[in-house]
Amino acid sequence: MASSCSMKRAVVMILITLCMVVVLMADDAQAACSLNDMAPCLDAVTSGATPTEPCCLKVAAVDVVCFCNLVATGNYPQSYVNNAVVVPAKCGGAAYAHFKGQVCAGHTIT
């Protein structure tokens, strides 16, 4: 069984690869998002931890469609997907307003 640190590293590498594919495929440069920029959210996604302020600032600024596509199309444990889609609500404020009502990985952000 892989260690927690190894699993996190693998997830980060998968996310970075997915982001590179999305960037290459995006018709509009504004639609692209960088998972490197989303690194402050790693603990919130992998463990369900309370998102940090830097994470919430990134969530408030990320392209919603790109973020949701990355979450929905990756081969991630369901717990990571479930954690990722609640980060905006946990952040509240601008991050929540940015995502509220959007469908992300089959979940409506409420």
PDB file of N, CA and C in Angstrom:
ATOM      1  N   MET A   1       0.850  -1.180   0.000  1.00  0.00           N
ATOM      2  CA  MET A   1       0.000   0.000   0.000  1.00  0.00           C
ATOM      3  C   MET A   1       0.894   1.241   0.000  1.00  0.00           C
ATOM      4  N   ALA A   2       0.625   2.185  -0.854  1.00  0.00           N
ATOM      5  CA  ALA A   2       1.420   3.397  -0.971  1.00  0.00           C
ATOM      6  C   ALA A   2       1.214   4.270   0.248  1.00  0.00           C
ATOM      7  N   SER A   3       2.278   4.976   0.633  1.00  0.00           N
ATOM      8  CA  SER A   3       2.152   5.882   1.766  1.00  0.00           C
ATOM      9  C   SER A   3       1.317   7.089   1.374  1.00  0.00           C
ATOM     10  N   SER A   4       0.827   7.783   2.396  1.00  0.00           N
ATOM     11  CA  SER A   4      -0.012   8.966   2.167  1.00  0.00           C
ATOM     12  C   SER A   4       0.747  10.016   1.368  1.00  0.00           C
ATOM     13  N   CYS A   5       2.017  10.186   1.679  1.00  0.00           N
ATOM     14  CA  CYS A   5       2.845  11.168   0.964  1.00  0.00           C
ATOM     15  C   CYS A   5       3.008  10.766  -0.497  1.00  0.00           C
ATOM     16  N   SER A   6       3.227   9.489  -0.751  1.00  0.00           N
ATOM     17  CA  SER A   6       3.373   9.011  -2.127  1.00  0.00           C
ATOM     18  C   SER A   6       2.081   9.188  -2.904  1.00  0.00           C
ATOM     19  N   MET A   7       0.951   8.944  -2.248  1.00  0.00           N
ATOM     20  CA  MET A   7      -0.348   9.104  -2.898  1.00  0.00           C
ATOM     21  C   MET A   7      -0.575  10.572  -3.250  1.00  0.00           C
ATOM     22  N   LYS A   8      -0.241  11.469  -2.329  1.00  0.00           N
ATOM     23  CA  LYS A   8      -0.410  12.901  -2.589  1.00  0.00           C
ATOM     24  C   LYS A   8       0.466  13.335  -3.764  1.00  0.00           C
ATOM     25  N   ARG A   9       1.688  12.859  -3.796  1.00  0.00           N
ATOM     26  CA  ARG A   9       2.579  13.198  -4.906  1.00  0.00           C
ATOM     27  C   ARG A   9       2.020  12.692  -6.228  1.00  0.00           C
ATOM     28  N   ALA A  10       1.489  11.488  -6.221  1.00  0.00           N
ATOM     29  CA  ALA A  10       0.910  10.926  -7.437  1.00  0.00           C
ATOM     30  C   ALA A  10      -0.287  11.753  -7.896  1.00  0.00           C
ATOM     31  N   VAL A  11      -1.113  12.160  -6.947  1.00  0.00           N
ATOM     32  CA  VAL A  11      -2.281  12.981  -7.289  1.00  0.00           C
ATOM     33  C   VAL A  11      -1.839  14.321  -7.863  1.00  0.00           C
ATOM     34  N   VAL A  12      -0.832  14.938  -7.259  1.00  0.00           N
ATOM     35  CA  VAL A  12      -0.333  16.219  -7.766  1.00  0.00           C
ATOM     36  C   VAL A  12       0.191  16.060  -9.189  1.00  0.00           C
ATOM     37  N   MET A  13       0.921  14.991  -9.446  1.00  0.00           N
ATOM     38  CA  MET A  13       1.452  14.766 -10.795  1.00  0.00           C
ATOM     39  C   MET A  13       0.320  14.545 -11.798  1.00  0.00           C
ATOM     40  N   ILE A  14      -0.697  13.806 -11.392  1.00  0.00           N
ATOM     41  CA  ILE A  14      -1.848  13.590 -12.274  1.00  0.00           C
ATOM     42  C   ILE A  14      -2.539  14.915 -12.553  1.00  0.00           C
ATOM     43  N   LEU A  15      -2.738  15.707 -11.509  1.00  0.00           N
ATOM     44  CA  LEU A  15      -3.405  16.994 -11.677  1.00  0.00           C
ATOM     45  C   LEU A  15      -2.607  17.928 -12.582  1.00  0.00           C
ATOM     46  N   ILE A  16      -1.304  17.952 -12.408  1.00  0.00           N
ATOM     47  CA  ILE A  16      -0.460  18.801 -13.257  1.00  0.00           C
ATOM     48  C   ILE A  16      -0.552  18.341 -14.710  1.00  0.00           C
ATOM     49  N   THR A  17      -0.510  17.033 -14.933  1.00  0.00           N
ATOM     50  CA  THR A  17      -0.627  16.506 -16.291  1.00  0.00           C
ATOM     51  C   THR A  17      -1.964  16.869 -16.909  1.00  0.00           C
ATOM     52  N   LEU A  18      -3.037  16.706 -16.146  1.00  0.00           N
ATOM     53  CA  LEU A  18      -4.363  17.067 -16.643  1.00  0.00           C
ATOM     54  C   LEU A  18      -4.440  18.544 -16.983  1.00  0.00           C
ATOM     55  N   CYS A  19      -3.868  19.361 -16.137  1.00  0.00           N
ATOM     56  CA  CYS A  19      -3.897  20.797 -16.392  1.00  0.00           C
ATOM     57  C   CYS A  19      -3.150  21.127 -17.675  1.00  0.00           C
ATOM     58  N   MET A  20      -2.024  20.480 -17.905  1.00  0.00           N
ATOM     59  CA  MET A  20      -1.271  20.732 -19.130  1.00  0.00           C
ATOM     60  C   MET A  20      -2.103  20.349 -20.348  1.00  0.00           C
ATOM     61  N   VAL A  21      -2.828  19.246 -20.274  1.00  0.00           N
ATOM     62  CA  VAL A  21      -3.685  18.829 -21.384  1.00  0.00           C
ATOM     63  C   VAL A  21      -4.787  19.859 -21.611  1.00  0.00           C
ATOM     64  N   VAL A  22      -5.403  20.314 -20.527  1.00  0.00           N
ATOM     65  CA  VAL A  22      -6.474  21.308 -20.642  1.00  0.00           C
ATOM     66  C   VAL A  22      -5.938  22.596 -21.248  1.00  0.00           C
ATOM     67  N   VAL A  23      -4.765  23.027 -20.828  1.00  0.00           N
ATOM     68  CA  VAL A  23      -4.176  24.250 -21.368  1.00  0.00           C
ATOM     69  C   VAL A  23      -3.946  24.105 -22.865  1.00  0.00           C
ATOM     70  N   LEU A  24      -3.448  22.955 -23.281  1.00  0.00           N
ATOM     71  CA  LEU A  24      -3.194  22.739 -24.704  1.00  0.00           C
ATOM     72  C   LEU A  24      -4.479  22.668 -25.514  1.00  0.00           C
ATOM     73  N   MET A  25      -5.554  22.186 -24.895  1.00  0.00           N
ATOM     74  CA  MET A  25      -6.804  22.016 -25.607  1.00  0.00           C
ATOM     75  C   MET A  25      -7.719  23.236 -25.530  1.00  0.00           C
ATOM     76  N   ALA A  26      -7.460  24.126 -24.599  1.00  0.00           N
ATOM     77  CA  ALA A  26      -8.367  25.253 -24.390  1.00  0.00           C
ATOM     78  C   ALA A  26      -8.379  26.169 -25.615  1.00  0.00           C
ATOM     79  N   ASP A  27      -9.583  26.507 -26.060  1.00  0.00           N
ATOM     80  CA  ASP A  27      -9.720  27.446 -27.172  1.00  0.00           C
ATOM     81  C   ASP A  27      -9.413  28.862 -26.711  1.00  0.00           C
ATOM     82  N   ASP A  28      -9.684  29.136 -25.481  1.00  0.00           N
ATOM     83  CA  ASP A  28      -9.527  30.469 -24.925  1.00  0.00           C
ATOM     84  C   ASP A  28      -8.537  30.385 -23.778  1.00  0.00           C
ATOM     85  N   ALA A  29      -7.469  31.153 -23.826  1.00  0.00           N
ATOM     86  CA  ALA A  29      -6.463  31.114 -22.773  1.00  0.00           C
ATOM     87  C   ALA A  29      -7.070  31.430 -21.415  1.00  0.00           C
ATOM     88  N   GLN A  30      -8.131  32.198 -21.371  1.00  0.00           N
ATOM     89  CA  GLN A  30      -8.785  32.534 -20.112  1.00  0.00           C
ATOM     90  C   GLN A  30      -9.457  31.309 -19.487  1.00  0.00           C
ATOM     91  N   ALA A  31      -9.768  30.303 -20.277  1.00  0.00           N
ATOM     92  CA  ALA A  31     -10.453  29.123 -19.766  1.00  0.00           C
ATOM     93  C   ALA A  31      -9.495  28.140 -19.096  1.00  0.00           C
ATOM     94  N   ALA A  32      -8.204  28.368 -19.228  1.00  0.00           N
ATOM     95  CA  ALA A  32      -7.220  27.463 -18.667  1.00  0.00           C
ATOM     96  C   ALA A  32      -7.002  27.755 -17.186  1.00  0.00           C
ATOM     97  N   CYS A  33      -6.694  26.728 -16.435  1.00  0.00           N
ATOM     98  CA  CYS A  33      -6.343  26.909 -15.031  1.00  0.00           C
ATOM     99  C   CYS A  33      -5.079  26.116 -14.762  1.00  0.00           C
ATOM    100  N   SER A  34      -4.357  26.544 -13.775  1.00  0.00           N
ATOM    101  CA  SER A  34      -3.115  25.885 -13.430  1.00  0.00           C
ATOM    102  C   SER A  34      -3.252  25.210 -12.078  1.00  0.00           C
ATOM    103  N   LEU A  35      -3.031  23.906 -12.047  1.00  0.00           N
ATOM    104  CA  LEU A  35      -3.102  23.216 -10.770  1.00  0.00           C
ATOM    105  C   LEU A  35      -1.919  23.566  -9.886  1.00  0.00           C
ATOM    106  N   ASN A  36      -0.843  24.048 -10.480  1.00  0.00           N
ATOM    107  CA  ASN A  36       0.247  24.566  -9.652  1.00  0.00           C
ATOM    108  C   ASN A  36      -0.275  25.700  -8.787  1.00  0.00           C
ATOM    109  N   ASP A  37      -1.141  26.529  -9.368  1.00  0.00           N
ATOM    110  CA  ASP A  37      -1.737  27.620  -8.609  1.00  0.00           C
ATOM    111  C   ASP A  37      -2.671  27.118  -7.522  1.00  0.00           C
ATOM    112  N   MET A  38      -3.221  25.926  -7.709  1.00  0.00           N
ATOM    113  CA  MET A  38      -4.166  25.372  -6.743  1.00  0.00           C
ATOM    114  C   MET A  38      -3.477  24.560  -5.641  1.00  0.00           C
ATOM    115  N   ALA A  39      -2.159  24.534  -5.639  1.00  0.00           N
ATOM    116  CA  ALA A  39      -1.414  23.764  -4.633  1.00  0.00           C
ATOM    117  C   ALA A  39      -1.808  24.092  -3.189  1.00  0.00           C
ATOM    118  N   PRO A  40      -2.168  25.344  -2.873  1.00  0.00           N
ATOM    119  CA  PRO A  40      -2.569  25.611  -1.479  1.00  0.00           C
ATOM    120  C   PRO A  40      -3.798  24.816  -1.037  1.00  0.00           C
ATOM    121  N   CYS A  41      -4.510  24.215  -1.977  1.00  0.00           N
ATOM    122  CA  CYS A  41      -5.731  23.461  -1.662  1.00  0.00           C
ATOM    123  C   CYS A  41      -5.484  21.964  -1.515  1.00  0.00           C
ATOM    124  N   LEU A  42      -4.258  21.523  -1.640  1.00  0.00           N
ATOM    125  CA  LEU A  42      -3.970  20.089  -1.634  1.00  0.00           C
ATOM    126  C   LEU A  42      -4.506  19.390  -0.386  1.00  0.00           C
ATOM    127  N   ASP A  43      -4.256  19.935   0.806  1.00  0.00           N
ATOM    128  CA  ASP A  43      -4.733  19.287   2.032  1.00  0.00           C
ATOM    129  C   ASP A  43      -6.252  19.288   2.117  1.00  0.00           C
ATOM    130  N   ALA A  44      -6.886  20.371   1.653  1.00  0.00           N
ATOM    131  CA  ALA A  44      -8.352  20.436   1.682  1.00  0.00           C
ATOM    132  C   ALA A  44      -8.954  19.360   0.781  1.00  0.00           C
ATOM    133  N   VAL A  45      -8.301  19.086  -0.344  1.00  0.00           N
ATOM    134  CA  VAL A  45      -8.821  18.090  -1.289  1.00  0.00           C
ATOM    135  C   VAL A  45      -8.485  16.671  -0.846  1.00  0.00           C
ATOM    136  N   THR A  46      -7.271  16.446  -0.395  1.00  0.00           N
ATOM    137  CA  THR A  46      -6.858  15.077  -0.085  1.00  0.00           C
ATOM    138  C   THR A  46      -7.319  14.594   1.286  1.00  0.00           C
ATOM    139  N   SER A  47      -7.510  15.522   2.230  1.00  0.00           N
ATOM    140  CA  SER A  47      -7.878  15.079   3.579  1.00  0.00           C
ATOM    141  C   SER A  47      -9.171  15.691   4.097  1.00  0.00           C
ATOM    142  N   GLY A  48      -9.741  16.642   3.352  1.00  0.00           N
ATOM    143  CA  GLY A  48     -10.952  17.304   3.823  1.00  0.00           C
ATOM    144  C   GLY A  48     -10.675  18.388   4.842  1.00  0.00           C
ATOM    145  N   ALA A  49      -9.408  18.782   4.963  1.00  0.00           N
ATOM    146  CA  ALA A  49      -9.034  19.824   5.917  1.00  0.00           C
ATOM    147  C   ALA A  49      -9.725  21.143   5.568  1.00  0.00           C
ATOM    148  N   THR A  50      -9.824  22.011   6.544  1.00  0.00           N
ATOM    149  CA  THR A  50     -10.372  23.350   6.302  1.00  0.00           C
ATOM    150  C   THR A  50      -9.448  24.070   5.329  1.00  0.00           C
ATOM    151  N   PRO A  51     -10.008  24.643   4.262  1.00  0.00           N
ATOM    152  CA  PRO A  51      -9.156  25.348   3.293  1.00  0.00           C
ATOM    153  C   PRO A  51      -8.465  26.550   3.939  1.00  0.00           C
ATOM    154  N   THR A  52      -7.239  26.757   3.535  1.00  0.00           N
ATOM    155  CA  THR A  52      -6.478  27.901   4.031  1.00  0.00           C
ATOM    156  C   THR A  52      -6.888  29.166   3.277  1.00  0.00           C
ATOM    157  N   GLU A  53      -6.491  30.306   3.798  1.00  0.00           N
ATOM    158  CA  GLU A  53      -6.788  31.566   3.105  1.00  0.00           C
ATOM    159  C   GLU A  53      -6.185  31.595   1.702  1.00  0.00           C
ATOM    160  N   PRO A  54      -4.900  31.183   1.523  1.00  0.00           N
ATOM    161  CA  PRO A  54      -4.361  31.155   0.153  1.00  0.00           C
ATOM    162  C   PRO A  54      -5.164  30.243  -0.773  1.00  0.00           C
ATOM    163  N   CYS A  55      -5.643  29.118  -0.264  1.00  0.00           N
ATOM    164  CA  CYS A  55      -6.481  28.220  -1.062  1.00  0.00           C
ATOM    165  C   CYS A  55      -7.748  28.943  -1.486  1.00  0.00           C
ATOM    166  N   CYS A  56      -8.410  29.582  -0.555  1.00  0.00           N
ATOM    167  CA  CYS A  56      -9.679  30.255  -0.852  1.00  0.00           C
ATOM    168  C   CYS A  56      -9.495  31.392  -1.854  1.00  0.00           C
ATOM    169  N   LEU A  57      -8.380  32.089  -1.778  1.00  0.00           N
ATOM    170  CA  LEU A  57      -8.105  33.141  -2.757  1.00  0.00           C
ATOM    171  C   LEU A  57      -7.951  32.550  -4.158  1.00  0.00           C
ATOM    172  N   LYS A  58      -7.302  31.400  -4.250  1.00  0.00           N
ATOM    173  CA  LYS A  58      -7.138  30.729  -5.551  1.00  0.00           C
ATOM    174  C   LYS A  58      -8.479  30.238  -6.082  1.00  0.00           C
ATOM    175  N   VAL A  59      -9.299  29.671  -5.211  1.00  0.00           N
ATOM    176  CA  VAL A  59     -10.604  29.164  -5.624  1.00  0.00           C
ATOM    177  C   VAL A  59     -11.480  30.307  -6.135  1.00  0.00           C
ATOM    178  N   ALA A  60     -11.381  31.446  -5.487  1.00  0.00           N
ATOM    179  CA  ALA A  60     -12.177  32.607  -5.905  1.00  0.00           C
ATOM    180  C   ALA A  60     -11.764  33.112  -7.281  1.00  0.00           C
ATOM    181  N   ALA A  61     -10.520  32.838  -7.684  1.00  0.00           N
ATOM    182  CA  ALA A  61     -10.000  33.370  -8.947  1.00  0.00           C
ATOM    183  C   ALA A  61      -9.957  32.345 -10.084  1.00  0.00           C
ATOM    184  N   VAL A  62     -10.072  31.065  -9.776  1.00  0.00           N
ATOM    185  CA  VAL A  62      -9.915  30.024 -10.802  1.00  0.00           C
ATOM    186  C   VAL A  62     -11.108  30.021 -11.762  1.00  0.00           C
ATOM    187  N   ASP A  63     -10.861  29.602 -12.981  1.00  0.00           N
ATOM    188  CA  ASP A  63     -11.937  29.425 -13.961  1.00  0.00           C
ATOM    189  C   ASP A  63     -12.765  28.220 -13.520  1.00  0.00           C
ATOM    190  N   VAL A  64     -14.045  28.445 -13.274  1.00  0.00           N
ATOM    191  CA  VAL A  64     -14.934  27.409 -12.745  1.00  0.00           C
ATOM    192  C   VAL A  64     -15.017  26.201 -13.679  1.00  0.00           C
ATOM    193  N   VAL A  65     -15.207  26.435 -14.958  1.00  0.00           N
ATOM    194  CA  VAL A  65     -15.349  25.335 -15.912  1.00  0.00           C
ATOM    195  C   VAL A  65     -14.082  24.489 -15.946  1.00  0.00           C
ATOM    196  N   CYS A  66     -12.949  25.127 -15.980  1.00  0.00           N
ATOM    197  CA  CYS A  66     -11.683  24.394 -16.015  1.00  0.00           C
ATOM    198  C   CYS A  66     -11.505  23.568 -14.739  1.00  0.00           C
ATOM    199  N   PHE A  67     -11.724  24.199 -13.600  1.00  0.00           N
ATOM    200  CA  PHE A  67     -11.591  23.504 -12.319  1.00  0.00           C
ATOM    201  C   PHE A  67     -12.508  22.288 -12.260  1.00  0.00           C
ATOM    202  N   CYS A  68     -13.762  22.478 -12.621  1.00  0.00           N
ATOM    203  CA  CYS A  68     -14.732  21.383 -12.555  1.00  0.00           C
ATOM    204  C   CYS A  68     -14.406  20.270 -13.546  1.00  0.00           C
ATOM    205  N   ASN A  69     -13.918  20.624 -14.717  1.00  0.00           N
ATOM    206  CA  ASN A  69     -13.504  19.602 -15.684  1.00  0.00           C
ATOM    207  C   ASN A  69     -12.326  18.788 -15.162  1.00  0.00           C
ATOM    208  N   LEU A  70     -11.379  19.448 -14.533  1.00  0.00           N
ATOM    209  CA  LEU A  70     -10.232  18.734 -13.974  1.00  0.00           C
ATOM    210  C   LEU A  70     -10.675  17.762 -12.894  1.00  0.00           C
ATOM    211  N   VAL A  71     -11.572  18.212 -12.035  1.00  0.00           N
ATOM    212  CA  VAL A  71     -12.059  17.359 -10.955  1.00  0.00           C
ATOM    213  C   VAL A  71     -12.867  16.191 -11.524  1.00  0.00           C
ATOM    214  N   ALA A  72     -13.708  16.478 -12.508  1.00  0.00           N
ATOM    215  CA  ALA A  72     -14.622  15.468 -13.040  1.00  0.00           C
ATOM    216  C   ALA A  72     -13.935  14.433 -13.918  1.00  0.00           C
ATOM    217  N   THR A  73     -12.896  14.814 -14.634  1.00  0.00           N
ATOM    218  CA  THR A  73     -12.309  13.912 -15.617  1.00  0.00           C
ATOM    219  C   THR A  73     -11.074  13.174 -15.132  1.00  0.00           C
ATOM    220  N   GLY A  74     -10.610  13.497 -13.941  1.00  0.00           N
ATOM    221  CA  GLY A  74      -9.436  12.812 -13.410  1.00  0.00           C
ATOM    222  C   GLY A  74      -9.811  11.459 -12.832  1.00  0.00           C
ATOM    223  N   ASN A  75      -8.842  10.617 -12.688  1.00  0.00           N
ATOM    224  CA  ASN A  75      -9.043   9.308 -12.081  1.00  0.00           C
ATOM    225  C   ASN A  75      -8.648   9.405 -10.612  1.00  0.00           C
ATOM    226  N   TYR A  76      -9.478  10.116  -9.844  1.00  0.00           N
ATOM    227  CA  TYR A  76      -9.174  10.393  -8.444  1.00  0.00           C
ATOM    228  C   TYR A  76     -10.073   9.573  -7.540  1.00  0.00           C
ATOM    229  N   PRO A  77      -9.613   9.305  -6.333  1.00  0.00           N
ATOM    230  CA  PRO A  77     -10.501   8.656  -5.365  1.00  0.00           C
ATOM    231  C   PRO A  77     -11.754   9.524  -5.174  1.00  0.00           C
ATOM    232  N   GLN A  78     -12.895   8.887  -5.010  1.00  0.00           N
ATOM    233  CA  GLN A  78     -14.148   9.631  -4.858  1.00  0.00           C
ATOM    234  C   GLN A  78     -14.082  10.601  -3.684  1.00  0.00           C
ATOM    235  N   SER A  79     -13.355  10.248  -2.639  1.00  0.00           N
ATOM    236  CA  SER A  79     -13.248  11.151  -1.489  1.00  0.00           C
ATOM    237  C   SER A  79     -12.565  12.463  -1.876  1.00  0.00           C
ATOM    238  N   TYR A  80     -11.584  12.426  -2.791  1.00  0.00           N
ATOM    239  CA  TYR A  80     -10.918  13.654  -3.242  1.00  0.00           C
ATOM    240  C   TYR A  80     -11.897  14.522  -4.026  1.00  0.00           C
ATOM    241  N   VAL A  81     -12.691  13.889  -4.888  1.00  0.00           N
ATOM    242  CA  VAL A  81     -13.685  14.631  -5.672  1.00  0.00           C
ATOM    243  C   VAL A  81     -14.692  15.274  -4.725  1.00  0.00           C
ATOM    244  N   ASN A  82     -15.195  14.494  -3.772  1.00  0.00           N
ATOM    245  CA  ASN A  82     -16.159  15.019  -2.813  1.00  0.00           C
ATOM    246  C   ASN A  82     -15.581  16.186  -2.023  1.00  0.00           C
ATOM    247  N   ASN A  83     -14.328  16.073  -1.613  1.00  0.00           N
ATOM    248  CA  ASN A  83     -13.679  17.155  -0.876  1.00  0.00           C
ATOM    249  C   ASN A  83     -13.481  18.386  -1.761  1.00  0.00           C
ATOM    250  N   ALA A  84     -13.064  18.169  -3.001  1.00  0.00           N
ATOM    251  CA  ALA A  84     -12.783  19.294  -3.905  1.00  0.00           C
ATOM    252  C   ALA A  84     -14.018  20.138  -4.169  1.00  0.00           C
ATOM    253  N   VAL A  85     -15.162  19.484  -4.348  1.00  0.00           N
ATOM    254  CA  VAL A  85     -16.354  20.242  -4.709  1.00  0.00           C
ATOM    255  C   VAL A  85     -16.965  20.998  -3.528  1.00  0.00           C
ATOM    256  N   VAL A  86     -16.552  20.695  -2.309  1.00  0.00           N
ATOM    257  CA  VAL A  86     -17.060  21.458  -1.164  1.00  0.00           C
ATOM    258  C   VAL A  86     -16.104  22.557  -0.714  1.00  0.00           C
ATOM    259  N   VAL A  87     -14.920  22.600  -1.293  1.00  0.00           N
ATOM    260  CA  VAL A  87     -13.963  23.649  -0.917  1.00  0.00           C
ATOM    261  C   VAL A  87     -14.553  25.048  -1.104  1.00  0.00           C
ATOM    262  N   PRO A  88     -15.216  25.359  -2.235  1.00  0.00           N
ATOM    263  CA  PRO A  88     -15.776  26.714  -2.370  1.00  0.00           C
ATOM    264  C   PRO A  88     -16.748  27.082  -1.246  1.00  0.00           C
ATOM    265  N   ALA A  89     -17.616  26.160  -0.863  1.00  0.00           N
ATOM    266  CA  ALA A  89     -18.572  26.441   0.213  1.00  0.00           C
ATOM    267  C   ALA A  89     -17.856  26.591   1.550  1.00  0.00           C
ATOM    268  N   LYS A  90     -16.825  25.768   1.778  1.00  0.00           N
ATOM    269  CA  LYS A  90     -16.059  25.881   3.019  1.00  0.00           C
ATOM    270  C   LYS A  90     -15.320  27.216   3.084  1.00  0.00           C
ATOM    271  N   CYS A  91     -14.887  27.703   1.929  1.00  0.00           N
ATOM    272  CA  CYS A  91     -14.193  28.992   1.884  1.00  0.00           C
ATOM    273  C   CYS A  91     -15.162  30.140   2.149  1.00  0.00           C
ATOM    274  N   GLY A  92     -16.372  30.022   1.594  1.00  0.00           N
ATOM    275  CA  GLY A  92     -17.340  31.107   1.734  1.00  0.00           C
ATOM    276  C   GLY A  92     -16.916  32.308   0.902  1.00  0.00           C
ATOM    277  N   GLY A  93     -17.501  33.449   1.180  1.00  0.00           N
ATOM    278  CA  GLY A  93     -17.137  34.708   0.539  1.00  0.00           C
ATOM    279  C   GLY A  93     -17.096  34.644  -0.973  1.00  0.00           C
ATOM    280  N   ALA A  94     -16.045  35.234  -1.538  1.00  0.00           N
ATOM    281  CA  ALA A  94     -15.897  35.336  -2.992  1.00  0.00           C
ATOM    282  C   ALA A  94     -15.759  33.964  -3.648  1.00  0.00           C
ATOM    283  N   ALA A  95     -15.083  33.031  -2.980  1.00  0.00           N
ATOM    284  CA  ALA A  95     -14.915  31.689  -3.557  1.00  0.00           C
ATOM    285  C   ALA A  95     -16.270  31.010  -3.710  1.00  0.00           C
ATOM    286  N   TYR A  96     -17.092  31.106  -2.685  1.00  0.00           N
ATOM    287  CA  TYR A  96     -18.416  30.485  -2.731  1.00  0.00           C
ATOM    288  C   TYR A  96     -19.289  31.175  -3.771  1.00  0.00           C
ATOM    289  N   ALA A  97     -19.259  32.492  -3.800  1.00  0.00           N
ATOM    290  CA  ALA A  97     -20.065  33.245  -4.771  1.00  0.00           C
ATOM    291  C   ALA A  97     -19.664  32.884  -6.195  1.00  0.00           C
ATOM    292  N   HIS A  98     -18.385  32.651  -6.412  1.00  0.00           N
ATOM    293  CA  HIS A  98     -17.844  32.307  -7.735  1.00  0.00           C
ATOM    294  C   HIS A  98     -18.389  30.963  -8.235  1.00  0.00           C
ATOM    295  N   PHE A  99     -18.623  30.019  -7.324  1.00  0.00           N
ATOM    296  CA  PHE A  99     -19.043  28.660  -7.682  1.00  0.00           C
ATOM    297  C   PHE A  99     -20.518  28.369  -7.436  1.00  0.00           C
ATOM    298  N   LYS A 100     -21.188  29.151  -6.618  1.00  0.00           N
ATOM    299  CA  LYS A 100     -22.564  28.841  -6.194  1.00  0.00           C
ATOM    300  C   LYS A 100     -23.468  28.570  -7.397  1.00  0.00           C
ATOM    301  N   GLY A 101     -24.170  27.439  -7.329  1.00  0.00           N
ATOM    302  CA  GLY A 101     -25.116  27.066  -8.387  1.00  0.00           C
ATOM    303  C   GLY A 101     -24.470  26.314  -9.543  1.00  0.00           C
ATOM    304  N   GLN A 102     -23.153  26.254  -9.600  1.00  0.00           N
ATOM    305  CA  GLN A 102     -22.471  25.539 -10.673  1.00  0.00           C
ATOM    306  C   GLN A 102     -22.519  24.046 -10.419  1.00  0.00           C
ATOM    307  N   VAL A 103     -22.565  23.270 -11.492  1.00  0.00           N
ATOM    308  CA  VAL A 103     -22.463  21.818 -11.374  1.00  0.00           C
ATOM    309  C   VAL A 103     -21.005  21.457 -11.625  1.00  0.00           C
ATOM    310  N   CYS A 104     -20.441  20.800 -10.639  1.00  0.00           N
ATOM    311  CA  CYS A 104     -19.011  20.477 -10.688  1.00  0.00           C
ATOM    312  C   CYS A 104     -18.862  18.997 -10.344  1.00  0.00           C
ATOM    313  N   ALA A 105     -18.389  18.230 -11.311  1.00  0.00           N
ATOM    314  CA  ALA A 105     -18.175  16.783 -11.121  1.00  0.00           C
ATOM    315  C   ALA A 105     -19.449  16.103 -10.630  1.00  0.00           C
ATOM    316  N   GLY A 106     -20.586  16.515 -11.174  1.00  0.00           N
ATOM    317  CA  GLY A 106     -21.853  15.916 -10.819  1.00  0.00           C
ATOM    318  C   GLY A 106     -22.478  16.435  -9.536  1.00  0.00           C
ATOM    319  N   HIS A 107     -21.835  17.393  -8.905  1.00  0.00           N
ATOM    320  CA  HIS A 107     -22.321  17.971  -7.659  1.00  0.00           C
ATOM    321  C   HIS A 107     -22.710  19.430  -7.904  1.00  0.00           C
ATOM    322  N   THR A 108     -23.878  19.834  -7.462  1.00  0.00           N
ATOM    323  CA  THR A 108     -24.251  21.242  -7.563  1.00  0.00           C
ATOM    324  C   THR A 108     -23.724  21.944  -6.323  1.00  0.00           C
ATOM    325  N   ILE A 109     -22.974  23.016  -6.545  1.00  0.00           N
ATOM    326  CA  ILE A 109     -22.400  23.789  -5.434  1.00  0.00           C
ATOM    327  C   ILE A 109     -23.526  24.621  -4.826  1.00  0.00           C
ATOM    328  N   THR A 110     -23.921  24.268  -3.619  1.00  0.00           N
ATOM    329  CA  THR A 110     -25.021  24.980  -2.954  1.00  0.00           C
ATOM    330  C   THR A 110     -24.559  25.684  -1.714  1.00  0.00           C
TER     331      THR A 110
END
